[in-house]
Amino acid sequence: MDMNRVDTLLRYILLVAGQEDPGNRELGPIHLVKYVYLADLAHSQWHKGPTYTNVPWIFHRFGPWSTEVYKRIEPVVRELDASERRISSPKYEDDFFRWELVDDELFEELDRQLPFEIALTLKKAVHEFGDDTSALLHYVYATDPMLRAAPGEQLSFEPYPEDEEDTREIRASTKDQRLSKTARSRLKEKMEAMLSKKLAKKKKPSVYTAPRYDQVFFEGQKWLDEIAGEPIESQEGQLSFSKEIWKSPSRTESDVS
């Protein structure tokens, strides 16, 4: 595990959020953990498996989780002297925290230090989700390492063949560190397009078609009720699912329903 890299990512994520418009700059612990996960995921896709921090990630009830990353949040926000807002709620015992940090000079410094693919991924993800917990959790739940694991298991970052195909051309371009300004600009455009495609793929909205309540509808409903037989009596009980459901093709293959 490289905790220095974890700390750098946490600093950078707060600074990236600080580049957003006022009112959209705060992040909490769960957001910081998930964005570090997305940085590790981006690195693994670019480098055929290894993550940037090498911390162990597990399938937890809040999605991908790393206790090691979580424990580094408080020291980092204290070191940076980030603005803190405490939120109390009668529904929960513990208070919620949100942090904000604006430092353009430090942002530029870390932006140059971090691998290109990580910096770009984090900037797009933070801009896309910010502190929208529900949307962020929905997105990370649908990432490949999560879809291939069951609750409590450690996540595997071995890339899928399609990940390799998507990144092969761009990865080959990055091997030449002497890229011209124009070439780097084109490379950035390619990476942004690829990341946008991945975000859109995970966030496809469901299409809802309102039913047509006409005579055909009501006659069809009546016919279905007639062939259904006697009404099913209400019952109470506990429904159990096999643990094998977590490894079923329906979680990893989009054409299985």
Protein backbone atom coordinates (compact mmCIF):
# COMPACT_ATOMS: atom_id res chain seq x y z
CA MET A 1 0.00 0.00 0.00
CA ASP A 2 1.21 3.50 -0.83
CA MET A 3 -0.38 5.81 1.72
CA ASN A 4 1.47 8.82 0.33
CA ARG A 5 -0.43 8.29 -2.91
CA VAL A 6 -3.69 7.95 -0.98
CA ASP A 7 -3.03 11.28 0.74
CA THR A 8 -2.17 12.92 -2.59
CA LEU A 9 -5.41 11.69 -4.13
CA LEU A 10 -7.47 12.94 -1.18
CA ARG A 11 -5.84 16.37 -1.43
CA TYR A 12 -6.37 16.49 -5.18
CA ILE A 13 -10.03 15.43 -5.00
CA LEU A 14 -10.80 18.23 -2.52
CA LEU A 15 -8.91 20.70 -4.72
CA VAL A 16 -10.77 19.53 -7.84
CA ALA A 17 -14.09 20.12 -6.05
CA GLY A 18 -12.73 23.56 -5.10
CA GLN A 19 -12.58 24.39 -8.80
CA GLU A 20 -16.35 24.03 -9.09
CA ASP A 21 -18.81 26.89 -8.69
CA PRO A 22 -19.56 28.10 -5.14
CA GLY A 23 -22.17 25.87 -3.54
CA ASN A 24 -20.84 22.78 -5.35
CA ARG A 25 -17.45 22.49 -3.67
CA GLU A 26 -18.17 20.41 -0.56
CA LEU A 27 -17.42 16.71 -0.25
CA GLY A 28 -17.95 14.25 2.59
CA PRO A 29 -16.11 11.07 3.64
CA ILE A 30 -18.11 8.70 1.45
CA HIS A 31 -17.51 10.86 -1.63
CA LEU A 32 -13.76 11.02 -1.00
CA VAL A 33 -13.50 7.24 -0.61
CA LYS A 34 -15.44 6.59 -3.83
CA TYR A 35 -13.37 9.07 -5.84
CA VAL A 36 -10.13 7.44 -4.66
CA TYR A 37 -11.64 4.15 -5.85
CA LEU A 38 -12.35 5.68 -9.28
CA ALA A 39 -8.73 6.87 -9.44
CA ASP A 40 -7.52 3.33 -8.72
CA LEU A 41 -9.95 1.97 -11.30
CA ALA A 42 -8.71 4.37 -13.97
CA HIS A 43 -5.09 3.45 -13.22
CA SER A 44 -5.89 -0.28 -13.38
CA GLN A 45 -7.61 0.08 -16.75
CA TRP A 46 -4.64 2.03 -18.13
CA HIS A 47 -1.96 -0.25 -16.74
CA LYS A 48 -3.59 -3.66 -17.19
CA GLY A 49 -4.46 -4.44 -13.57
CA PRO A 50 -2.37 -2.68 -10.90
CA THR A 51 -4.06 0.14 -9.01
CA TYR A 52 -2.40 3.46 -8.16
CA THR A 53 -2.54 3.10 -4.36
CA ASN A 54 -2.42 -0.70 -4.06
CA VAL A 55 -4.84 -0.56 -1.12
CA PRO A 56 -7.30 -3.48 -0.77
CA TRP A 57 -10.84 -2.65 -1.85
CA ILE A 58 -13.81 -4.75 -0.73
CA PHE A 59 -17.47 -5.00 -1.69
CA HIS A 60 -19.11 -3.29 1.27
CA ARG A 61 -22.74 -2.28 1.75
CA PHE A 62 -21.87 1.24 0.52
CA GLY A 63 -20.12 -0.10 -2.56
CA PRO A 64 -16.32 -0.28 -2.94
CA TRP A 65 -14.71 0.40 0.42
CA SER A 66 -11.23 0.73 1.89
CA THR A 67 -10.73 1.22 5.61
CA GLU A 68 -7.17 2.35 4.92
CA VAL A 69 -8.40 5.20 2.70
CA TYR A 70 -11.14 6.19 5.14
CA LYS A 71 -8.67 6.48 8.02
CA ARG A 72 -6.52 8.93 6.05
CA ILE A 73 -9.34 11.45 5.47
CA GLU A 74 -9.23 13.19 8.86
CA PRO A 75 -5.43 13.66 8.91
CA VAL A 76 -5.49 15.06 5.36
CA VAL A 77 -8.32 17.56 5.91
CA ARG A 78 -6.64 18.71 9.15
CA GLU A 79 -3.29 19.13 7.39
CA LEU A 80 -4.90 21.15 4.61
CA ASP A 81 -6.98 23.18 7.07
CA ALA A 82 -10.01 22.60 4.86
CA SER A 83 -13.21 24.42 5.74
CA GLU A 84 -15.48 22.06 7.66
CA ARG A 85 -19.25 22.04 7.95
CA ARG A 86 -20.98 19.79 10.49
CA ILE A 87 -24.50 18.62 9.66
CA SER A 88 -26.71 17.20 12.40
CA SER A 89 -29.80 15.11 11.74
CA PRO A 90 -32.39 13.75 14.21
CA LYS A 91 -32.56 10.57 12.12
CA TYR A 92 -28.96 9.55 12.81
CA GLU A 93 -26.75 9.37 15.87
CA ASP A 94 -23.61 10.67 14.18
CA ASP A 95 -23.13 14.06 12.55
CA PHE A 96 -22.22 14.46 8.91
CA PHE A 97 -19.20 16.37 7.73
CA ARG A 98 -18.54 18.26 4.51
CA TRP A 99 -15.19 19.80 3.59
CA GLU A 100 -14.24 22.52 1.14
CA LEU A 101 -10.80 23.57 -0.08
CA VAL A 102 -9.87 26.23 -2.63
CA ASP A 103 -6.19 26.57 -3.48
CA ASP A 104 -5.48 27.17 -7.17
CA GLU A 105 -1.70 27.00 -6.77
CA LEU A 106 -1.72 23.62 -5.01
CA PHE A 107 -4.31 22.33 -7.48
CA GLU A 108 -2.04 23.16 -10.42
CA GLU A 109 0.93 21.54 -8.68
CA LEU A 110 -0.86 18.24 -8.01
CA ASP A 111 -2.53 18.33 -11.42
CA ARG A 112 0.94 18.19 -12.98
CA GLN A 113 2.15 15.46 -10.61
CA LEU A 114 -0.64 12.91 -10.99
CA PRO A 115 -0.86 10.50 -13.94
CA PHE A 116 -2.80 12.05 -16.79
CA GLU A 117 -5.53 9.38 -16.80
CA ILE A 118 -6.18 9.77 -13.06
CA ALA A 119 -6.34 13.57 -13.11
CA LEU A 120 -8.74 13.58 -16.05
CA THR A 121 -10.95 10.85 -14.54
CA LEU A 122 -11.25 12.66 -11.23
CA LYS A 123 -12.00 16.03 -12.80
CA LYS A 124 -14.78 14.57 -14.92
CA ALA A 125 -16.24 12.45 -12.11
CA VAL A 126 -16.22 15.23 -9.49
CA HIS A 127 -17.81 17.61 -11.98
CA GLU A 128 -20.40 14.98 -12.93
CA PHE A 129 -21.40 13.79 -9.44
CA GLY A 130 -19.98 16.24 -6.86
CA ASP A 131 -21.60 15.43 -3.51
CA ASP A 132 -24.60 13.69 -5.11
CA THR A 133 -24.26 10.55 -3.00
CA SER A 134 -27.03 8.59 -4.69
CA ALA A 135 -25.74 9.15 -8.24
CA LEU A 136 -22.13 8.47 -7.24
CA LEU A 137 -23.03 5.22 -5.45
CA HIS A 138 -25.14 4.10 -8.38
CA TYR A 139 -22.20 4.70 -10.71
CA VAL A 140 -19.54 2.91 -8.65
CA TYR A 141 -21.87 -0.02 -7.96
CA ALA A 142 -22.02 -0.61 -11.72
CA THR A 143 -18.25 -0.65 -12.29
CA ASP A 144 -16.68 -3.94 -13.40
CA PRO A 145 -14.83 -4.85 -10.16
CA MET A 146 -18.09 -4.50 -8.22
CA LEU A 147 -20.11 -6.51 -10.73
CA ARG A 148 -17.63 -9.38 -10.52
CA ALA A 149 -17.67 -9.58 -6.71
CA ALA A 150 -20.05 -10.62 -3.93
CA PRO A 151 -20.56 -8.75 -0.62
CA GLY A 152 -17.49 -9.01 1.61
CA GLU A 153 -15.14 -10.07 -1.17
CA GLN A 154 -12.00 -8.21 -2.19
CA LEU A 155 -12.36 -6.52 -5.56
CA SER A 156 -10.33 -7.61 -8.56
CA PHE A 157 -9.11 -4.93 -10.96
CA GLU A 158 -8.08 -7.25 -13.77
CA PRO A 159 -9.33 -5.53 -16.94
CA TYR A 160 -11.97 -6.86 -19.28
CA PRO A 161 -11.00 -7.37 -22.96
CA GLU A 162 -13.18 -4.38 -23.93
CA ASP A 163 -11.26 -2.14 -21.53
CA GLU A 164 -8.03 -3.16 -23.26
CA GLU A 165 -9.51 -2.43 -26.68
CA ASP A 166 -10.75 1.01 -25.62
CA THR A 167 -7.42 2.15 -24.21
CA ARG A 168 -4.83 0.43 -26.45
CA GLU A 169 -4.46 3.30 -28.93
CA ILE A 170 -4.34 6.04 -26.30
CA ARG A 171 -1.95 4.09 -24.05
CA ALA A 172 0.42 3.62 -26.97
CA SER A 173 0.38 7.37 -27.55
CA THR A 174 1.32 8.16 -23.95
CA LYS A 175 4.53 6.13 -24.20
CA ASP A 176 6.11 9.05 -26.03
CA GLN A 177 6.74 11.62 -23.31
CA ARG A 178 7.82 14.19 -25.95
CA LEU A 179 4.36 14.69 -27.37
CA SER A 180 3.79 18.07 -28.97
CA LYS A 181 1.23 20.44 -27.53
CA THR A 182 -1.13 19.63 -30.41
CA ALA A 183 -0.67 15.87 -29.94
CA ARG A 184 -1.32 16.15 -26.19
CA SER A 185 -4.46 18.17 -26.91
CA ARG A 186 -5.73 15.48 -29.29
CA LEU A 187 -4.86 12.79 -26.76
CA LYS A 188 -6.81 14.64 -24.09
CA GLU A 189 -9.82 14.85 -26.41
CA LYS A 190 -9.68 11.09 -27.03
CA MET A 191 -9.49 10.34 -23.32
CA GLU A 192 -12.35 12.72 -22.52
CA ALA A 193 -14.50 11.08 -25.19
CA MET A 194 -13.74 7.62 -23.81
CA LEU A 195 -14.50 8.67 -20.22
CA SER A 196 -17.71 10.40 -21.27
CA LYS A 197 -18.74 7.21 -23.06
CA LYS A 198 -18.12 5.16 -19.90
CA LEU A 199 -20.06 7.62 -17.72
CA ALA A 200 -22.98 7.65 -20.16
CA LYS A 201 -22.97 3.85 -20.37
CA LYS A 202 -23.31 3.53 -16.59
CA LYS A 203 -25.95 6.24 -16.32
CA LYS A 204 -28.37 5.31 -19.10
CA PRO A 205 -31.80 6.45 -17.92
CA SER A 206 -34.64 4.00 -18.12
CA VAL A 207 -37.28 4.83 -20.71
CA TYR A 208 -40.80 5.02 -19.32
CA THR A 209 -43.83 4.69 -21.56
CA ALA A 210 -47.09 5.62 -19.89
CA PRO A 211 -49.84 2.99 -20.27
CA ARG A 212 -52.82 3.79 -22.46
CA TYR A 213 -55.94 3.43 -20.32
CA ASP A 214 -58.53 2.74 -23.02
CA GLN A 215 -61.15 0.06 -23.70
CA VAL A 216 -58.56 -2.39 -24.99
CA PHE A 217 -56.58 -2.00 -21.77
CA PHE A 218 -59.53 -2.64 -19.47
CA GLU A 219 -60.80 -5.59 -21.51
CA GLY A 220 -57.34 -7.12 -21.48
CA GLN A 221 -57.08 -6.60 -17.72
CA LYS A 222 -60.46 -8.27 -17.22
CA TRP A 223 -59.40 -11.24 -19.36
CA LEU A 224 -56.17 -11.68 -17.43
CA ASP A 225 -58.06 -11.62 -14.14
CA GLU A 226 -60.44 -14.32 -15.43
CA ILE A 227 -57.70 -16.73 -16.52
CA ALA A 228 -55.66 -16.12 -13.36
CA GLY A 229 -58.16 -18.07 -11.27
CA GLU A 230 -58.79 -17.45 -7.60
CA PRO A 231 -57.01 -14.49 -6.00
CA ILE A 232 -53.80 -15.37 -4.16
CA GLU A 233 -54.13 -15.04 -0.44
CA SER A 234 -51.86 -12.63 1.36
CA GLN A 235 -49.00 -14.36 3.18
CA GLU A 236 -46.06 -13.35 5.33
CA GLY A 237 -42.66 -14.96 5.35
CA GLN A 238 -38.99 -14.58 4.60
CA LEU A 239 -37.65 -14.86 1.08
CA SER A 240 -34.08 -16.11 0.64
CA PHE A 241 -31.86 -15.93 -2.42
CA SER A 242 -28.89 -18.11 -3.19
CA LYS A 243 -25.51 -16.42 -2.73
CA GLU A 244 -24.73 -17.57 -6.26
CA ILE A 245 -26.87 -14.68 -7.53
CA TRP A 246 -23.88 -12.34 -7.02
CA LYS A 247 -21.88 -14.28 -9.63
CA SER A 248 -24.73 -14.76 -12.10
CA PRO A 249 -24.29 -13.61 -15.73
CA SER A 250 -27.11 -11.09 -15.28
CA ARG A 251 -24.75 -8.85 -13.26
CA THR A 252 -21.91 -8.74 -15.79
CA GLU A 253 -23.51 -9.39 -19.18
CA SER A 254 -25.78 -6.66 -20.49
CA ASP A 255 -27.65 -9.00 -22.89
CA VAL A 256 -28.81 -11.34 -20.10
CA SER A 257 -32.16 -10.52 -18.54
